[in-house]
């Protein structure tokens, strides 16, 4: 069983910002996020989109996000 639950993209973006990610640039709904010691991460979701547990797991591997951060 996964420990992730579905969240809206807007909430996920604010959680990423709270753990140290910053918006480096934006083109439409594609935001490039940066954080020291990590590769840049492209956040390509509209604010109202629902992001499921499987995608959250993938995002967590690249960003260092944990279920407690949400």
C-alpha atoms as a PDB file:
ATOM      1  CA  UNK A   1       0.000   0.000   0.000  1.00  0.00           C
ATOM      2  CA  UNK A   2       1.307   3.431  -0.899  1.00  0.00           C
ATOM      3  CA  UNK A   3       1.668   6.166   1.688  1.00  0.00           C
ATOM      4  CA  UNK A   4       0.868   8.906  -0.823  1.00  0.00           C
ATOM      5  CA  UNK A   5      -2.614  10.336  -1.358  1.00  0.00           C
ATOM      6  CA  UNK A   6      -3.895  12.345  -4.305  1.00  0.00           C
ATOM      7  CA  UNK A   7      -3.426  16.107  -4.107  1.00  0.00           C
ATOM      8  CA  UNK A   8      -4.053  19.109  -6.315  1.00  0.00           C
ATOM      9  CA  UNK A   9      -1.063  20.436  -8.251  1.00  0.00           C
ATOM     10  CA  UNK A  10      -1.312  23.818  -6.530  1.00  0.00           C
ATOM     11  CA  UNK A  11      -0.864  22.183  -3.114  1.00  0.00           C
ATOM     12  CA  UNK A  12       2.045  20.082  -4.396  1.00  0.00           C
ATOM     13  CA  UNK A  13       3.797  23.158  -5.786  1.00  0.00           C
ATOM     14  CA  UNK A  14       3.449  24.994  -2.479  1.00  0.00           C
ATOM     15  CA  UNK A  15       4.840  21.939  -0.658  1.00  0.00           C
ATOM     16  CA  UNK A  16       7.866  21.881  -2.986  1.00  0.00           C
ATOM     17  CA  UNK A  17       8.456  25.583  -2.393  1.00  0.00           C
ATOM     18  CA  UNK A  18       8.223  25.057   1.370  1.00  0.00           C
ATOM     19  CA  UNK A  19      11.021  22.444   1.283  1.00  0.00           C
ATOM     20  CA  UNK A  20      13.374  24.784  -0.559  1.00  0.00           C
ATOM     21  CA  UNK A  21      12.525  24.651  -4.267  1.00  0.00           C
ATOM     22  CA  UNK A  22      12.264  27.959  -6.127  1.00  0.00           C
ATOM     23  CA  UNK A  23      10.692  28.792  -9.477  1.00  0.00           C
ATOM     24  CA  UNK A  24      13.588  29.462 -11.828  1.00  0.00           C
ATOM     25  CA  UNK A  25      11.486  30.250 -14.912  1.00  0.00           C
ATOM     26  CA  UNK A  26       8.003  29.667 -16.291  1.00  0.00           C
ATOM     27  CA  UNK A  27       6.566  29.169 -19.765  1.00  0.00           C
ATOM     28  CA  UNK A  28       2.804  28.651 -19.682  1.00  0.00           C
ATOM     29  CA  UNK A  29       2.020  25.886 -17.212  1.00  0.00           C
ATOM     30  CA  UNK A  30       5.603  24.554 -17.302  1.00  0.00           C
ATOM     31  CA  UNK A  31       7.603  25.777 -14.330  1.00  0.00           C
ATOM     32  CA  UNK A  32      11.282  24.955 -13.939  1.00  0.00           C
ATOM     33  CA  UNK A  33      12.110  24.550 -10.269  1.00  0.00           C
ATOM     34  CA  UNK A  34      15.607  24.648  -8.832  1.00  0.00           C
ATOM     35  CA  UNK A  35      17.181  23.722  -5.513  1.00  0.00           C
ATOM     36  CA  UNK A  36      20.852  23.505  -4.537  1.00  0.00           C
ATOM     37  CA  UNK A  37      22.355  20.012  -4.883  1.00  0.00           C
ATOM     38  CA  UNK A  38      19.439  18.784  -7.057  1.00  0.00           C
ATOM     39  CA  UNK A  39      18.947  18.794 -10.813  1.00  0.00           C
ATOM     40  CA  UNK A  40      16.341  21.246 -12.094  1.00  0.00           C
ATOM     41  CA  UNK A  41      12.822  19.801 -12.075  1.00  0.00           C
ATOM     42  CA  UNK A  42      10.131  20.697 -14.616  1.00  0.00           C
ATOM     43  CA  UNK A  43       6.734  21.001 -12.952  1.00  0.00           C
ATOM     44  CA  UNK A  44       4.264  20.705 -15.851  1.00  0.00           C
ATOM     45  CA  UNK A  45       0.844  20.620 -14.208  1.00  0.00           C
ATOM     46  CA  UNK A  46      -2.093  23.033 -14.182  1.00  0.00           C
ATOM     47  CA  UNK A  47      -3.042  24.244 -10.685  1.00  0.00           C
ATOM     48  CA  UNK A  48      -6.388  22.401 -10.596  1.00  0.00           C
ATOM     49  CA  UNK A  49      -5.053  19.031 -11.784  1.00  0.00           C
ATOM     50  CA  UNK A  50      -5.309  16.067  -9.442  1.00  0.00           C
ATOM     51  CA  UNK A  51      -1.975  14.263  -9.032  1.00  0.00           C
ATOM     52  CA  UNK A  52      -2.212  10.643  -7.971  1.00  0.00           C
ATOM     53  CA  UNK A  53      -0.019   8.495  -5.718  1.00  0.00           C
ATOM     54  CA  UNK A  54       1.997   6.937  -8.537  1.00  0.00           C
ATOM     55  CA  UNK A  55       3.017  10.311  -9.985  1.00  0.00           C
ATOM     56  CA  UNK A  56       3.754  11.665  -6.503  1.00  0.00           C
ATOM     57  CA  UNK A  57       6.159   8.765  -5.946  1.00  0.00           C
ATOM     58  CA  UNK A  58       8.003   9.656  -9.159  1.00  0.00           C
ATOM     59  CA  UNK A  59       8.148  13.338  -8.221  1.00  0.00           C
ATOM     60  CA  UNK A  60       9.438  12.467  -4.736  1.00  0.00           C
ATOM     61  CA  UNK A  61      12.374  10.521  -6.183  1.00  0.00           C
ATOM     62  CA  UNK A  62      13.547  13.627  -8.038  1.00  0.00           C
ATOM     63  CA  UNK A  63      12.738  16.299  -5.463  1.00  0.00           C
ATOM     64  CA  UNK A  64      13.194  14.826  -1.990  1.00  0.00           C
ATOM     65  CA  UNK A  65       9.515  15.318  -1.144  1.00  0.00           C
ATOM     66  CA  UNK A  66       8.013  13.178   1.642  1.00  0.00           C
ATOM     67  CA  UNK A  67       4.333  12.446   2.458  1.00  0.00           C
ATOM     68  CA  UNK A  68       4.719  14.569   5.621  1.00  0.00           C
ATOM     69  CA  UNK A  69       5.576  17.618   3.485  1.00  0.00           C
ATOM     70  CA  UNK A  70       2.065  17.620   2.061  1.00  0.00           C
END
